[in-house]
């Protein structure tokens, strides 16, 4: 009898671990998303296009293609001798959705960003901002969980929001 008991096969286990989010709830994820976006805008407001070291704070809040496009834009603007004046202001951040059951966890928010005081100027002092740029941007912002971010999230995309989300 003891010999037979030693030959039993253990119960199979699921080899795929269940993803676990750093966030215990949607509310916690959205609080981190808001903190992340506000820190990103603060970093944008501190950018001095003549000093590439000021760009690093912006890059700390982004990931993926957004990080790449930010790096390309800021490097080009620096190379072209552009200057930035004025600050952007977060008007509102509204939670839209989360997916805490995937790795990395995701959050989506609608943001209204007032950029009316922001201008980018070329070396001659002429504005390079499109004359028809709206004063307030309506954005869909996607956040991805990131272990190496202070807030636990990084911004992976900033896209114009659908008309239904007007600011």
Foldseek 3Di string as FASTA:
>chain_A
DVVVVVPDDDDDDDPDDFAAAPDPDPVLVVVLVVVLVVQLQVLVQQDFLCDCVSLVSNLLQADDPVSVVSVVVSVVLSVQAKGKDDGKDWPDKAWDDWARRDVFTKTKIKTKIFCQGIFIAGPVRHTPDDPPDDRIFIWIWMWTADPPHPSRIHTYDIDGDDPVRDD
